[in-house]
Amino acid sequence: LSAACYIGIAGAAVAGSIAHTTRTRF
């Protein structure tokens, strides 16, 4: 369950990174 928790946190960071990189423009 600890592993699941930290995988979930990592997954949230991945999702946040993708959202930021795809909408942030030059």
PDB file of all heavy atoms in Angstrom:
ATOM      1  N   LEU A   1       0.823  -1.210   0.000  1.00  0.00           N
ATOM      2  CA  LEU A   1       0.000   0.000   0.000  1.00  0.00           C
ATOM      3  C   LEU A   1       0.855   1.257   0.000  1.00  0.00           C
ATOM      4  O   LEU A   1       0.483   2.271  -0.617  1.00  0.00           O
ATOM      5  CB  LEU A   1      -0.948  -0.018   1.191  1.00  0.00           C
ATOM      6  CG  LEU A   1      -1.978  -1.158   1.176  1.00  0.00           C
ATOM      7  CD1 LEU A   1      -2.851  -1.121   2.418  1.00  0.00           C
ATOM      8  CD2 LEU A   1      -2.842  -1.110  -0.089  1.00  0.00           C
ATOM      9  N   SER A   2       2.009   1.233   0.656  1.00  0.00           N
ATOM     10  CA  SER A   2       2.928   2.369   0.572  1.00  0.00           C
ATOM     11  C   SER A   2       3.412   2.544  -0.860  1.00  0.00           C
ATOM     12  O   SER A   2       3.479   3.662  -1.382  1.00  0.00           O
ATOM     13  CB  SER A   2       4.128   2.174   1.502  1.00  0.00           C
ATOM     14  OG  SER A   2       3.754   2.204   2.844  1.00  0.00           O
ATOM     15  N   ALA A   3       3.769   1.426  -1.495  1.00  0.00           N
ATOM     16  CA  ALA A   3       4.197   1.493  -2.891  1.00  0.00           C
ATOM     17  C   ALA A   3       3.097   2.083  -3.763  1.00  0.00           C
ATOM     18  O   ALA A   3       3.353   2.948  -4.622  1.00  0.00           O
ATOM     19  CB  ALA A   3       4.579   0.100  -3.390  1.00  0.00           C
ATOM     20  N   ALA A   4       1.869   1.633  -3.559  1.00  0.00           N
ATOM     21  CA  ALA A   4       0.745   2.171  -4.332  1.00  0.00           C
ATOM     22  C   ALA A   4       0.601   3.671  -4.112  1.00  0.00           C
ATOM     23  O   ALA A   4       0.332   4.436  -5.052  1.00  0.00           O
ATOM     24  CB  ALA A   4      -0.538   1.455  -3.949  1.00  0.00           C
ATOM     25  N   CYS A   5       0.776   4.107  -2.864  1.00  0.00           N
ATOM     26  CA  CYS A   5       0.682   5.530  -2.546  1.00  0.00           C
ATOM     27  C   CYS A   5       1.717   6.330  -3.332  1.00  0.00           C
ATOM     28  O   CYS A   5       1.397   7.337  -3.968  1.00  0.00           O
ATOM     29  CB  CYS A   5       0.860   5.735  -1.042  1.00  0.00           C
ATOM     30  SG  CYS A   5       0.823   7.470  -0.521  1.00  0.00           S
ATOM     31  N   TYR A   6       2.966   5.882  -3.307  1.00  0.00           N
ATOM     32  CA  TYR A   6       4.031   6.651  -3.954  1.00  0.00           C
ATOM     33  C   TYR A   6       3.982   6.532  -5.475  1.00  0.00           C
ATOM     34  O   TYR A   6       4.382   7.466  -6.178  1.00  0.00           O
ATOM     35  CB  TYR A   6       5.380   6.249  -3.371  1.00  0.00           C
ATOM     36  CG  TYR A   6       5.487   6.702  -1.931  1.00  0.00           C
ATOM     37  CD1 TYR A   6       5.514   5.792  -0.885  1.00  0.00           C
ATOM     38  CD2 TYR A   6       5.476   8.060  -1.617  1.00  0.00           C
ATOM     39  CE1 TYR A   6       5.558   6.218   0.430  1.00  0.00           C
ATOM     40  CE2 TYR A   6       5.522   8.490  -0.310  1.00  0.00           C
ATOM     41  CZ  TYR A   6       5.562   7.571   0.711  1.00  0.00           C
ATOM     42  OH  TYR A   6       5.589   8.018   2.015  1.00  0.00           O
ATOM     43  N   ILE A   7       3.482   5.427  -5.985  1.00  0.00           N
ATOM     44  CA  ILE A   7       3.248   5.339  -7.436  1.00  0.00           C
ATOM     45  C   ILE A   7       2.154   6.315  -7.835  1.00  0.00           C
ATOM     46  O   ILE A   7       2.237   6.970  -8.890  1.00  0.00           O
ATOM     47  CB  ILE A   7       2.887   3.898  -7.830  1.00  0.00           C
ATOM     48  CG1 ILE A   7       4.114   2.989  -7.661  1.00  0.00           C
ATOM     49  CG2 ILE A   7       2.373   3.833  -9.269  1.00  0.00           C
ATOM     50  CD1 ILE A   7       3.809   1.506  -7.752  1.00  0.00           C
ATOM     51  N   GLY A   8       1.126   6.450  -6.994  1.00  0.00           N
ATOM     52  CA  GLY A   8       0.074   7.431  -7.275  1.00  0.00           C
ATOM     53  C   GLY A   8       0.604   8.853  -7.284  1.00  0.00           C
ATOM     54  O   GLY A   8       0.221   9.676  -8.131  1.00  0.00           O
ATOM     55  N   ILE A   9       1.493   9.175  -6.341  1.00  0.00           N
ATOM     56  CA  ILE A   9       2.106  10.511  -6.303  1.00  0.00           C
ATOM     57  C   ILE A   9       2.956  10.733  -7.552  1.00  0.00           C
ATOM     58  O   ILE A   9       2.898  11.806  -8.174  1.00  0.00           O
ATOM     59  CB  ILE A   9       2.939  10.664  -5.020  1.00  0.00           C
ATOM     60  CG1 ILE A   9       2.022  10.721  -3.798  1.00  0.00           C
ATOM     61  CG2 ILE A   9       3.816  11.915  -5.081  1.00  0.00           C
ATOM     62  CD1 ILE A   9       2.737  10.634  -2.469  1.00  0.00           C
ATOM     63  N   ALA A  10       3.754   9.716  -7.922  1.00  0.00           N
ATOM     64  CA  ALA A  10       4.555   9.834  -9.144  1.00  0.00           C
ATOM     65  C   ALA A  10       3.665  10.016 -10.369  1.00  0.00           C
ATOM     66  O   ALA A  10       3.960  10.830 -11.260  1.00  0.00           O
ATOM     67  CB  ALA A  10       5.433   8.589  -9.307  1.00  0.00           C
ATOM     68  N   GLY A  11       2.563   9.278 -10.400  1.00  0.00           N
ATOM     69  CA  GLY A  11       1.632   9.414 -11.523  1.00  0.00           C
ATOM     70  C   GLY A  11       1.034  10.795 -11.617  1.00  0.00           C
ATOM     71  O   GLY A  11       0.843  11.337 -12.721  1.00  0.00           O
ATOM     72  N   ALA A  12       0.751  11.397 -10.465  1.00  0.00           N
ATOM     73  CA  ALA A  12       0.219  12.764 -10.470  1.00  0.00           C
ATOM     74  C   ALA A  12       1.257  13.745 -10.997  1.00  0.00           C
ATOM     75  O   ALA A  12       0.921  14.690 -11.726  1.00  0.00           O
ATOM     76  CB  ALA A  12      -0.200  13.154  -9.054  1.00  0.00           C
ATOM     77  N   ALA A  13       2.526  13.528 -10.635  1.00  0.00           N
ATOM     78  CA  ALA A  13       3.586  14.397 -11.143  1.00  0.00           C
ATOM     79  C   ALA A  13       3.743  14.243 -12.656  1.00  0.00           C
ATOM     80  O   ALA A  13       3.973  15.231 -13.371  1.00  0.00           O
ATOM     81  CB  ALA A  13       4.902  14.072 -10.434  1.00  0.00           C
ATOM     82  N   VAL A  14       3.618  13.010 -13.155  1.00  0.00           N
ATOM     83  CA  VAL A  14       3.676  12.775 -14.598  1.00  0.00           C
ATOM     84  C   VAL A  14       2.534  13.505 -15.304  1.00  0.00           C
ATOM     85  O   VAL A  14       2.736  14.222 -16.291  1.00  0.00           O
ATOM     86  CB  VAL A  14       3.622  11.272 -14.916  1.00  0.00           C
ATOM     87  CG1 VAL A  14       3.439  11.046 -16.414  1.00  0.00           C
ATOM     88  CG2 VAL A  14       4.884  10.574 -14.428  1.00  0.00           C
ATOM     89  N   ALA A  15       1.319  13.347 -14.778  1.00  0.00           N
ATOM     90  CA  ALA A  15       0.156  13.996 -15.397  1.00  0.00           C
ATOM     91  C   ALA A  15       0.302  15.512 -15.373  1.00  0.00           C
ATOM     92  O   ALA A  15      -0.010  16.191 -16.368  1.00  0.00           O
ATOM     93  CB  ALA A  15      -1.120  13.571 -14.674  1.00  0.00           C
ATOM     94  N   GLY A  16       0.775  16.049 -14.257  1.00  0.00           N
ATOM     95  CA  GLY A  16       0.971  17.491 -14.164  1.00  0.00           C
ATOM     96  C   GLY A  16       2.026  17.987 -15.127  1.00  0.00           C
ATOM     97  O   GLY A  16       1.879  19.066 -15.725  1.00  0.00           O
ATOM     98  N   SER A  17       3.079  17.205 -15.305  1.00  0.00           N
ATOM     99  CA  SER A  17       4.147  17.594 -16.238  1.00  0.00           C
ATOM    100  C   SER A  17       3.649  17.603 -17.677  1.00  0.00           C
ATOM    101  O   SER A  17       3.956  18.515 -18.452  1.00  0.00           O
ATOM    102  CB  SER A  17       5.330  16.627 -16.097  1.00  0.00           C
ATOM    103  OG  SER A  17       5.882  16.682 -14.818  1.00  0.00           O
ATOM    104  N   ILE A  18       2.882  16.578 -18.030  1.00  0.00           N
ATOM    105  CA  ILE A  18       2.351  16.518 -19.399  1.00  0.00           C
ATOM    106  C   ILE A  18       1.403  17.683 -19.650  1.00  0.00           C
ATOM    107  O   ILE A  18       1.455  18.335 -20.704  1.00  0.00           O
ATOM    108  CB  ILE A  18       1.658  15.165 -19.638  1.00  0.00           C
ATOM    109  CG1 ILE A  18       2.690  14.032 -19.617  1.00  0.00           C
ATOM    110  CG2 ILE A  18       0.889  15.180 -20.958  1.00  0.00           C
ATOM    111  CD1 ILE A  18       2.086  12.644 -19.630  1.00  0.00           C
ATOM    112  N   ALA A  19       0.548  17.960 -18.684  1.00  0.00           N
ATOM    113  CA  ALA A  19      -0.392  19.083 -18.845  1.00  0.00           C
ATOM    114  C   ALA A  19       0.368  20.396 -19.018  1.00  0.00           C
ATOM    115  O   ALA A  19       0.020  21.221 -19.875  1.00  0.00           O
ATOM    116  CB  ALA A  19      -1.322  19.159 -17.632  1.00  0.00           C
ATOM    117  N   HIS A  20       1.403  20.589 -18.222  1.00  0.00           N
ATOM    118  CA  HIS A  20       2.159  21.854 -18.305  1.00  0.00           C
ATOM    119  C   HIS A  20       2.913  21.971 -19.630  1.00  0.00           C
ATOM    120  O   HIS A  20       2.890  23.029 -20.267  1.00  0.00           O
ATOM    121  CB  HIS A  20       3.152  21.937 -17.141  1.00  0.00           C
ATOM    122  CG  HIS A  20       3.956  23.196 -17.129  1.00  0.00           C
ATOM    123  ND1 HIS A  20       3.433  24.409 -16.724  1.00  0.00           N
ATOM    124  CD2 HIS A  20       5.255  23.443 -17.495  1.00  0.00           C
ATOM    125  CE1 HIS A  20       4.369  25.350 -16.830  1.00  0.00           C
ATOM    126  NE2 HIS A  20       5.477  24.775 -17.290  1.00  0.00           N
ATOM    127  N   THR A  21       3.571  20.892 -20.048  1.00  0.00           N
ATOM    128  CA  THR A  21       4.392  20.984 -21.261  1.00  0.00           C
ATOM    129  C   THR A  21       3.557  21.110 -22.529  1.00  0.00           C
ATOM    130  O   THR A  21       4.007  21.702 -23.515  1.00  0.00           O
ATOM    131  CB  THR A  21       5.309  19.751 -21.390  1.00  0.00           C
ATOM    132  OG1 THR A  21       4.512  18.566 -21.375  1.00  0.00           O
ATOM    133  CG2 THR A  21       6.305  19.706 -20.257  1.00  0.00           C
ATOM    134  N   THR A  22       2.360  20.570 -22.526  1.00  0.00           N
ATOM    135  CA  THR A  22       1.540  20.637 -23.739  1.00  0.00           C
ATOM    136  C   THR A  22       0.756  21.942 -23.861  1.00  0.00           C
ATOM    137  O   THR A  22       0.334  22.304 -24.972  1.00  0.00           O
ATOM    138  CB  THR A  22       0.560  19.454 -23.799  1.00  0.00           C
ATOM    139  OG1 THR A  22      -0.198  19.401 -22.588  1.00  0.00           O
ATOM    140  CG2 THR A  22       1.311  18.147 -23.992  1.00  0.00           C
ATOM    141  N   ARG A  23       0.574  22.670 -22.750  1.00  0.00           N
ATOM    142  CA  ARG A  23      -0.177  23.923 -22.850  1.00  0.00           C
ATOM    143  C   ARG A  23       0.691  25.172 -22.730  1.00  0.00           C
ATOM    144  O   ARG A  23       0.216  26.282 -23.020  1.00  0.00           O
ATOM    145  CB  ARG A  23      -1.268  23.956 -21.793  1.00  0.00           C
ATOM    146  CG  ARG A  23      -0.779  24.091 -20.366  1.00  0.00           C
ATOM    147  CD  ARG A  23      -1.924  24.310 -19.386  1.00  0.00           C
ATOM    148  NE  ARG A  23      -1.446  24.395 -18.032  1.00  0.00           N
ATOM    149  CZ  ARG A  23      -1.707  23.519 -17.068  1.00  0.00           C
ATOM    150  NH1 ARG A  23      -2.487  22.478 -17.326  1.00  0.00           N
ATOM    151  NH2 ARG A  23      -1.211  23.666 -15.852  1.00  0.00           N
ATOM    152  N   THR A  24       1.944  25.018 -22.303  1.00  0.00           N
ATOM    153  CA  THR A  24       2.825  26.175 -22.140  1.00  0.00           C
ATOM    154  C   THR A  24       3.524  26.471 -23.458  1.00  0.00           C
ATOM    155  O   THR A  24       4.206  25.600 -24.025  1.00  0.00           O
ATOM    156  CB  THR A  24       3.866  25.906 -21.038  1.00  0.00           C
ATOM    157  OG1 THR A  24       3.186  25.616 -19.823  1.00  0.00           O
ATOM    158  CG2 THR A  24       4.771  27.115 -20.840  1.00  0.00           C
ATOM    159  N   ARG A  25       3.386  27.690 -23.948  1.00  0.00           N
ATOM    160  CA  ARG A  25       3.817  28.025 -25.298  1.00  0.00           C
ATOM    161  C   ARG A  25       4.951  29.031 -25.311  1.00  0.00           C
ATOM    162  O   ARG A  25       5.081  29.887 -24.432  1.00  0.00           O
ATOM    163  CB  ARG A  25       2.652  28.585 -26.120  1.00  0.00           C
ATOM    164  CG  ARG A  25       1.434  27.688 -26.210  1.00  0.00           C
ATOM    165  CD  ARG A  25       0.463  28.172 -27.262  1.00  0.00           C
ATOM    166  NE  ARG A  25       1.027  28.137 -28.602  1.00  0.00           N
ATOM    167  CZ  ARG A  25       1.131  27.042 -29.344  1.00  0.00           C
ATOM    168  NH1 ARG A  25       0.675  25.888 -28.903  1.00  0.00           N
ATOM    169  NH2 ARG A  25       1.674  27.101 -30.555  1.00  0.00           N
ATOM    170  N   PHE A  26       5.782  28.900 -26.353  1.00  0.00           N
ATOM    171  CA  PHE A  26       6.706  29.959 -26.758  1.00  0.00           C
ATOM    172  C   PHE A  26       6.015  30.725 -27.882  1.00  0.00           C
ATOM    173  O   PHE A  26       6.031  30.299 -29.042  1.00  0.00           O
ATOM    174  CB  PHE A  26       8.022  29.363 -27.271  1.00  0.00           C
ATOM    175  CG  PHE A  26       8.798  28.597 -26.253  1.00  0.00           C
ATOM    176  CD1 PHE A  26       8.773  27.207 -26.250  1.00  0.00           C
ATOM    177  CD2 PHE A  26       9.565  29.247 -25.305  1.00  0.00           C
ATOM    178  CE1 PHE A  26       9.502  26.484 -25.318  1.00  0.00           C
ATOM    179  CE2 PHE A  26      10.301  28.541 -24.372  1.00  0.00           C
ATOM    180  CZ  PHE A  26      10.267  27.159 -24.368  1.00  0.00           C
TER     181      PHE A  26
END
